[in-house]
Amino acid sequence: MGGVARRIWRVLRARNIIEVIRALSPSFDAKVQKKVEEAATKRSWTYYLFWWRLDRVPYQVRVMLVNAEKGSAGFRSFIDEFQRRHDTLRRYFTEDLHALSEEERRRITEEAKHVIKQLDKAVALLVYADILTDKEPKSTFISALNDALRAEGVPPLPVGASTESIVRHLALMDPNVALRGLRNAVTNLETQIKTISEAAKEAYS
């Protein structure tokens, strides 16, 4: 059993984690199945993951894997939105909004908060990857993003950075550098989630 597989096994033996997962509504199982069926139509790696006898893996792990994948997909959507609204985000974090007209101030604020909320939702789902590997919340995401930013020569973020701080950090740097870092980070995350999934199958084979 590999290192990641051992961590997954250890986490699921911890009573507090089990209690958290059991607190989920039973109806959530239907949502998980729907996600699998949607993935099957797209022939994503999730489809093959379930096709390769993922039914051997406990329900709790399947739920967390699906949510982690949703988190990486949400992060990709955030990157697209960040690219479209980079100028607005820069203005939101640098300009005196009170000096603008009420309409312009409202537009900039709403657009910026929409992007921040989008990242917040993605990060909240990526925390499931942390649970599965017995890490601090958000550490998998922050680590992947910091590795990508360091490769671009950009200062890293603190582990406890808020999503608004992360968006501010990205918005105030060169947009091309930020986008390269973000795309490398999401690729890294997807690879990690796939590795966790394979480890889960190994742990319960």
C-alpha atoms as a PDB file:
ATOM      1  CA  MET A   1       0.000   0.000   0.000  1.00  0.00           C
ATOM      2  CA  GLY A   2       1.474   3.354  -1.084  1.00  0.00           C
ATOM      3  CA  GLY A   3       1.926   6.383   1.146  1.00  0.00           C
ATOM      4  CA  VAL A   4      -1.187   8.204  -0.073  1.00  0.00           C
ATOM      5  CA  ALA A   5      -3.245   5.016   0.218  1.00  0.00           C
ATOM      6  CA  ARG A   6      -2.057   4.544   3.814  1.00  0.00           C
ATOM      7  CA  ARG A   7      -3.045   8.116   4.678  1.00  0.00           C
ATOM      8  CA  ILE A   8      -6.512   7.597   3.202  1.00  0.00           C
ATOM      9  CA  TRP A   9      -6.940   4.405   5.215  1.00  0.00           C
ATOM     10  CA  ARG A  10      -5.771   6.144   8.408  1.00  0.00           C
ATOM     11  CA  VAL A  11      -8.080   9.124   7.901  1.00  0.00           C
ATOM     12  CA  LEU A  12     -11.137   6.950   7.367  1.00  0.00           C
ATOM     13  CA  ARG A  13     -10.398   5.027  10.553  1.00  0.00           C
ATOM     14  CA  ALA A  14     -10.583   8.287  12.514  1.00  0.00           C
ATOM     15  CA  ARG A  15     -13.959   8.484  14.186  1.00  0.00           C
ATOM     16  CA  ASN A  16     -14.339  12.245  13.872  1.00  0.00           C
ATOM     17  CA  ILE A  17     -13.989  12.137  10.079  1.00  0.00           C
ATOM     18  CA  ILE A  18     -16.494   9.302   9.831  1.00  0.00           C
ATOM     19  CA  GLU A  19     -18.982  11.286  11.903  1.00  0.00           C
ATOM     20  CA  VAL A  20     -18.563  14.324   9.677  1.00  0.00           C
ATOM     21  CA  ILE A  21     -19.227  12.297   6.543  1.00  0.00           C
ATOM     22  CA  ARG A  22     -22.193  10.479   8.119  1.00  0.00           C
ATOM     23  CA  ALA A  23     -23.712  13.868   8.816  1.00  0.00           C
ATOM     24  CA  LEU A  24     -24.264  14.255   5.083  1.00  0.00           C
ATOM     25  CA  SER A  25     -27.842  13.785   3.970  1.00  0.00           C
ATOM     26  CA  PRO A  26     -28.593  10.304   2.565  1.00  0.00           C
ATOM     27  CA  SER A  27     -30.059  12.050  -0.457  1.00  0.00           C
ATOM     28  CA  PHE A  28     -26.529  13.151  -1.321  1.00  0.00           C
ATOM     29  CA  ASP A  29     -25.921   9.659  -2.688  1.00  0.00           C
ATOM     30  CA  ALA A  30     -28.284  10.488  -5.542  1.00  0.00           C
ATOM     31  CA  LYS A  31     -26.253  13.603  -6.293  1.00  0.00           C
ATOM     32  CA  VAL A  32     -23.078  11.533  -6.401  1.00  0.00           C
ATOM     33  CA  GLN A  33     -24.672   9.123  -8.869  1.00  0.00           C
ATOM     34  CA  LYS A  34     -25.834  12.030 -11.017  1.00  0.00           C
ATOM     35  CA  LYS A  35     -22.283  13.376 -11.081  1.00  0.00           C
ATOM     36  CA  VAL A  36     -20.989   9.982 -12.207  1.00  0.00           C
ATOM     37  CA  GLU A  37     -23.566   9.788 -14.978  1.00  0.00           C
ATOM     38  CA  GLU A  38     -22.701  13.304 -16.153  1.00  0.00           C
ATOM     39  CA  ALA A  39     -19.009  12.385 -16.175  1.00  0.00           C
ATOM     40  CA  ALA A  40     -19.809   9.274 -18.223  1.00  0.00           C
ATOM     41  CA  THR A  41     -21.378  11.370 -20.977  1.00  0.00           C
ATOM     42  CA  LYS A  42     -18.201  13.445 -21.165  1.00  0.00           C
ATOM     43  CA  ARG A  43     -15.863  10.437 -20.854  1.00  0.00           C
ATOM     44  CA  SER A  44     -13.852  12.279 -18.223  1.00  0.00           C
ATOM     45  CA  TRP A  45     -11.363  10.438 -16.000  1.00  0.00           C
ATOM     46  CA  THR A  46     -14.095  10.235 -13.374  1.00  0.00           C
ATOM     47  CA  TYR A  47     -16.092   7.992 -15.704  1.00  0.00           C
ATOM     48  CA  TYR A  48     -13.193   5.580 -16.071  1.00  0.00           C
ATOM     49  CA  LEU A  49     -12.477   5.829 -12.358  1.00  0.00           C
ATOM     50  CA  PHE A  50     -15.952   4.580 -11.545  1.00  0.00           C
ATOM     51  CA  TRP A  51     -15.930   2.136 -14.454  1.00  0.00           C
ATOM     52  CA  TRP A  52     -12.787   0.518 -13.053  1.00  0.00           C
ATOM     53  CA  ARG A  53     -14.718  -0.928 -10.119  1.00  0.00           C
ATOM     54  CA  LEU A  54     -14.707   2.133  -7.897  1.00  0.00           C
ATOM     55  CA  ASP A  55     -17.687   0.506  -6.188  1.00  0.00           C
ATOM     56  CA  ARG A  56     -15.077  -1.269  -4.039  1.00  0.00           C
ATOM     57  CA  VAL A  57     -14.196   2.080  -2.486  1.00  0.00           C
ATOM     58  CA  PRO A  58     -16.384   3.108   0.487  1.00  0.00           C
ATOM     59  CA  TYR A  59     -19.185   5.589   0.000  1.00  0.00           C
ATOM     60  CA  GLN A  60     -17.408   8.225   2.116  1.00  0.00           C
ATOM     61  CA  VAL A  61     -14.360   8.182  -0.151  1.00  0.00           C
ATOM     62  CA  ARG A  62     -16.449   8.277  -3.326  1.00  0.00           C
ATOM     63  CA  VAL A  63     -18.261  11.364  -2.067  1.00  0.00           C
ATOM     64  CA  MET A  64     -14.993  13.116  -1.257  1.00  0.00           C
ATOM     65  CA  LEU A  65     -13.395  12.188  -4.590  1.00  0.00           C
ATOM     66  CA  VAL A  66     -16.350  13.526  -6.543  1.00  0.00           C
ATOM     67  CA  ASN A  67     -16.288  16.765  -4.571  1.00  0.00           C
ATOM     68  CA  ALA A  68     -12.538  17.166  -5.063  1.00  0.00           C
ATOM     69  CA  GLU A  69     -13.009  16.764  -8.822  1.00  0.00           C
ATOM     70  CA  LYS A  70     -15.834  19.328  -8.731  1.00  0.00           C
ATOM     71  CA  GLY A  71     -13.411  21.631  -6.943  1.00  0.00           C
ATOM     72  CA  SER A  72     -10.775  21.356  -9.666  1.00  0.00           C
ATOM     73  CA  ALA A  73     -13.450  21.940 -12.330  1.00  0.00           C
ATOM     74  CA  GLY A  74     -14.632  24.982 -10.389  1.00  0.00           C
ATOM     75  CA  PHE A  75     -11.056  26.235 -10.222  1.00  0.00           C
ATOM     76  CA  ARG A  76     -10.818  25.980 -14.013  1.00  0.00           C
ATOM     77  CA  SER A  77     -14.012  28.023 -14.311  1.00  0.00           C
ATOM     78  CA  PHE A  78     -12.525  30.589 -11.950  1.00  0.00           C
ATOM     79  CA  ILE A  79      -9.441  30.887 -14.165  1.00  0.00           C
ATOM     80  CA  ASP A  80     -11.614  31.629 -17.206  1.00  0.00           C
ATOM     81  CA  GLU A  81     -13.564  34.215 -15.243  1.00  0.00           C
ATOM     82  CA  PHE A  82     -10.361  35.736 -13.847  1.00  0.00           C
ATOM     83  CA  GLN A  83      -9.027  36.169 -17.366  1.00  0.00           C
ATOM     84  CA  ARG A  84     -12.228  37.866 -18.532  1.00  0.00           C
ATOM     85  CA  ARG A  85     -12.465  40.197 -15.550  1.00  0.00           C
ATOM     86  CA  HIS A  86      -8.822  40.900 -14.760  1.00  0.00           C
ATOM     87  CA  ASP A  87      -9.089  44.628 -15.463  1.00  0.00           C
ATOM     88  CA  THR A  88     -12.165  44.901 -13.247  1.00  0.00           C
ATOM     89  CA  LEU A  89     -10.437  43.027 -10.449  1.00  0.00           C
ATOM     90  CA  ARG A  90      -7.388  45.259 -10.658  1.00  0.00           C
ATOM     91  CA  ARG A  91      -9.596  48.318 -10.436  1.00  0.00           C
ATOM     92  CA  TYR A  92     -11.496  46.848  -7.484  1.00  0.00           C
ATOM     93  CA  PHE A  93      -8.293  46.375  -5.506  1.00  0.00           C
ATOM     94  CA  THR A  94      -6.464  49.554  -6.506  1.00  0.00           C
ATOM     95  CA  GLU A  95      -8.908  52.368  -7.215  1.00  0.00           C
ATOM     96  CA  ASP A  96     -10.818  54.596  -4.835  1.00  0.00           C
ATOM     97  CA  LEU A  97     -14.265  53.219  -5.612  1.00  0.00           C
ATOM     98  CA  HIS A  98     -15.985  56.064  -3.774  1.00  0.00           C
ATOM     99  CA  ALA A  99     -14.619  58.434  -6.420  1.00  0.00           C
ATOM    100  CA  LEU A 100     -16.592  56.584  -9.100  1.00  0.00           C
ATOM    101  CA  SER A 101     -20.226  56.951 -10.031  1.00  0.00           C
ATOM    102  CA  GLU A 102     -22.644  54.790  -8.047  1.00  0.00           C
ATOM    103  CA  GLU A 103     -23.402  52.672 -11.119  1.00  0.00           C
ATOM    104  CA  GLU A 104     -19.741  52.049 -11.936  1.00  0.00           C
ATOM    105  CA  ARG A 105     -18.881  51.335  -8.308  1.00  0.00           C
ATOM    106  CA  ARG A 106     -21.705  48.806  -8.075  1.00  0.00           C
ATOM    107  CA  ARG A 107     -20.685  47.100 -11.315  1.00  0.00           C
ATOM    108  CA  ILE A 108     -17.042  46.726 -10.313  1.00  0.00           C
ATOM    109  CA  THR A 109     -17.909  45.531  -6.809  1.00  0.00           C
ATOM    110  CA  GLU A 110     -20.445  42.960  -7.993  1.00  0.00           C
ATOM    111  CA  GLU A 111     -18.143  41.553 -10.667  1.00  0.00           C
ATOM    112  CA  ALA A 112     -15.177  41.318  -8.291  1.00  0.00           C
ATOM    113  CA  LYS A 113     -17.199  39.663  -5.535  1.00  0.00           C
ATOM    114  CA  HIS A 114     -18.603  37.186  -8.068  1.00  0.00           C
ATOM    115  CA  VAL A 115     -15.078  36.098  -9.022  1.00  0.00           C
ATOM    116  CA  ILE A 116     -13.989  35.868  -5.371  1.00  0.00           C
ATOM    117  CA  LYS A 117     -17.054  33.782  -4.529  1.00  0.00           C
ATOM    118  CA  GLN A 118     -16.332  31.477  -7.459  1.00  0.00           C
ATOM    119  CA  LEU A 119     -12.848  30.753  -6.132  1.00  0.00           C
ATOM    120  CA  ASP A 120     -14.205  30.353  -2.609  1.00  0.00           C
ATOM    121  CA  LYS A 121     -16.604  27.617  -3.771  1.00  0.00           C
ATOM    122  CA  ALA A 122     -13.854  25.784  -5.646  1.00  0.00           C
ATOM    123  CA  VAL A 123     -11.460  25.895  -2.697  1.00  0.00           C
ATOM    124  CA  ALA A 124     -14.178  24.659  -0.327  1.00  0.00           C
ATOM    125  CA  LEU A 125     -14.581  21.534  -2.475  1.00  0.00           C
ATOM    126  CA  LEU A 126     -10.843  21.017  -2.898  1.00  0.00           C
ATOM    127  CA  VAL A 127     -10.604  20.701   0.889  1.00  0.00           C
ATOM    128  CA  TYR A 128     -11.868  17.129   0.413  1.00  0.00           C
ATOM    129  CA  ALA A 129      -8.470  16.314  -1.094  1.00  0.00           C
ATOM    130  CA  ASP A 130      -6.920  17.555   2.164  1.00  0.00           C
ATOM    131  CA  ILE A 131      -9.226  15.346   4.222  1.00  0.00           C
ATOM    132  CA  LEU A 132      -8.332  12.291   2.176  1.00  0.00           C
ATOM    133  CA  THR A 133      -4.601  12.866   2.575  1.00  0.00           C
ATOM    134  CA  ASP A 134      -4.682  14.010   6.208  1.00  0.00           C
ATOM    135  CA  LYS A 135      -3.529  17.574   5.520  1.00  0.00           C
ATOM    136  CA  GLU A 136      -4.506  20.981   6.824  1.00  0.00           C
ATOM    137  CA  PRO A 137      -7.530  22.538   5.063  1.00  0.00           C
ATOM    138  CA  LYS A 138      -6.625  24.385   1.833  1.00  0.00           C
ATOM    139  CA  SER A 139      -3.018  23.186   1.998  1.00  0.00           C
ATOM    140  CA  THR A 140      -3.248  21.096  -1.203  1.00  0.00           C
ATOM    141  CA  PHE A 141      -4.642  24.051  -3.131  1.00  0.00           C
ATOM    142  CA  ILE A 142      -2.244  26.631  -1.681  1.00  0.00           C
ATOM    143  CA  SER A 143       0.737  24.336  -2.228  1.00  0.00           C
ATOM    144  CA  ALA A 144      -0.161  23.733  -5.884  1.00  0.00           C
ATOM    145  CA  LEU A 145      -0.705  27.440  -6.498  1.00  0.00           C
ATOM    146  CA  ASN A 146       2.476  28.478  -4.695  1.00  0.00           C
ATOM    147  CA  ASP A 147       4.585  25.949  -6.602  1.00  0.00           C
ATOM    148  CA  ALA A 148       3.221  27.348  -9.859  1.00  0.00           C
ATOM    149  CA  LEU A 149       3.789  30.954  -8.783  1.00  0.00           C
ATOM    150  CA  ARG A 150       7.346  30.268  -7.616  1.00  0.00           C
ATOM    151  CA  ALA A 151       8.078  28.801 -11.045  1.00  0.00           C
ATOM    152  CA  GLU A 152       7.011  32.173 -12.454  1.00  0.00           C
ATOM    153  CA  GLY A 153       9.236  34.059 -10.004  1.00  0.00           C
ATOM    154  CA  VAL A 154       6.291  35.350  -7.979  1.00  0.00           C
ATOM    155  CA  PRO A 155       6.266  35.505  -4.147  1.00  0.00           C
ATOM    156  CA  PRO A 156       4.170  32.695  -2.593  1.00  0.00           C
ATOM    157  CA  LEU A 157       0.997  33.065  -0.572  1.00  0.00           C
ATOM    158  CA  PRO A 158       0.743  32.217   3.134  1.00  0.00           C
ATOM    159  CA  VAL A 159      -1.019  28.916   3.865  1.00  0.00           C
ATOM    160  CA  GLY A 160      -3.865  30.670   5.652  1.00  0.00           C
ATOM    161  CA  ALA A 161      -4.537  33.223   2.909  1.00  0.00           C
ATOM    162  CA  SER A 162      -8.202  34.063   2.362  1.00  0.00           C
ATOM    163  CA  THR A 163      -9.716  33.689  -1.084  1.00  0.00           C
ATOM    164  CA  GLU A 164     -10.008  37.463  -1.379  1.00  0.00           C
ATOM    165  CA  SER A 165      -6.294  37.802  -0.546  1.00  0.00           C
ATOM    166  CA  ILE A 166      -5.493  35.205  -3.199  1.00  0.00           C
ATOM    167  CA  VAL A 167      -7.519  37.010  -5.857  1.00  0.00           C
ATOM    168  CA  ARG A 168      -5.912  40.323  -4.875  1.00  0.00           C
ATOM    169  CA  HIS A 169      -2.434  38.781  -5.136  1.00  0.00           C
ATOM    170  CA  LEU A 170      -3.217  37.447  -8.607  1.00  0.00           C
ATOM    171  CA  ALA A 171      -4.988  40.579  -9.842  1.00  0.00           C
ATOM    172  CA  LEU A 172      -2.079  42.861  -8.982  1.00  0.00           C
ATOM    173  CA  MET A 173       0.520  40.888 -10.915  1.00  0.00           C
ATOM    174  CA  ASP A 174       1.123  40.721 -14.641  1.00  0.00           C
ATOM    175  CA  PRO A 175      -1.972  38.983 -16.087  1.00  0.00           C
ATOM    176  CA  ASN A 176       0.070  36.685 -18.324  1.00  0.00           C
ATOM    177  CA  VAL A 177       2.176  35.542 -15.376  1.00  0.00           C
ATOM    178  CA  ALA A 178      -0.926  35.048 -13.239  1.00  0.00           C
ATOM    179  CA  LEU A 179      -2.681  32.984 -15.907  1.00  0.00           C
ATOM    180  CA  ARG A 180       0.348  30.771 -16.523  1.00  0.00           C
ATOM    181  CA  GLY A 181       0.608  30.146 -12.802  1.00  0.00           C
ATOM    182  CA  LEU A 182      -3.097  29.394 -12.454  1.00  0.00           C
ATOM    183  CA  ARG A 183      -3.139  26.962 -15.380  1.00  0.00           C
ATOM    184  CA  ASN A 184      -0.099  25.125 -14.080  1.00  0.00           C
ATOM    185  CA  ALA A 185      -1.680  24.992 -10.624  1.00  0.00           C
ATOM    186  CA  VAL A 186      -4.946  23.449 -11.850  1.00  0.00           C
ATOM    187  CA  THR A 187      -3.037  20.849 -13.876  1.00  0.00           C
ATOM    188  CA  ASN A 188      -1.066  20.003 -10.736  1.00  0.00           C
ATOM    189  CA  LEU A 189      -4.278  19.703  -8.707  1.00  0.00           C
ATOM    190  CA  GLU A 190      -5.931  17.439 -11.262  1.00  0.00           C
ATOM    191  CA  THR A 191      -2.893  15.182 -11.228  1.00  0.00           C
ATOM    192  CA  GLN A 192      -2.943  15.037  -7.431  1.00  0.00           C
ATOM    193  CA  ILE A 193      -6.650  14.188  -7.343  1.00  0.00           C
ATOM    194  CA  LYS A 194      -6.147  11.438  -9.881  1.00  0.00           C
ATOM    195  CA  THR A 195      -3.286  10.071  -7.774  1.00  0.00           C
ATOM    196  CA  ILE A 196      -5.500  10.132  -4.672  1.00  0.00           C
ATOM    197  CA  SER A 197      -8.193   8.260  -6.587  1.00  0.00           C
ATOM    198  CA  GLU A 198      -5.766   5.554  -7.663  1.00  0.00           C
ATOM    199  CA  ALA A 199      -4.502   5.327  -4.084  1.00  0.00           C
ATOM    200  CA  ALA A 200      -8.061   4.905  -2.833  1.00  0.00           C
ATOM    201  CA  LYS A 201      -8.559   1.946  -5.151  1.00  0.00           C
ATOM    202  CA  GLU A 202      -5.265   0.506  -3.939  1.00  0.00           C
ATOM    203  CA  ALA A 203      -6.247   0.987  -0.303  1.00  0.00           C
ATOM    204  CA  TYR A 204      -9.470  -0.976  -0.748  1.00  0.00           C
ATOM    205  CA  SER A 205      -8.430  -3.534  -3.359  1.00  0.00           C
END
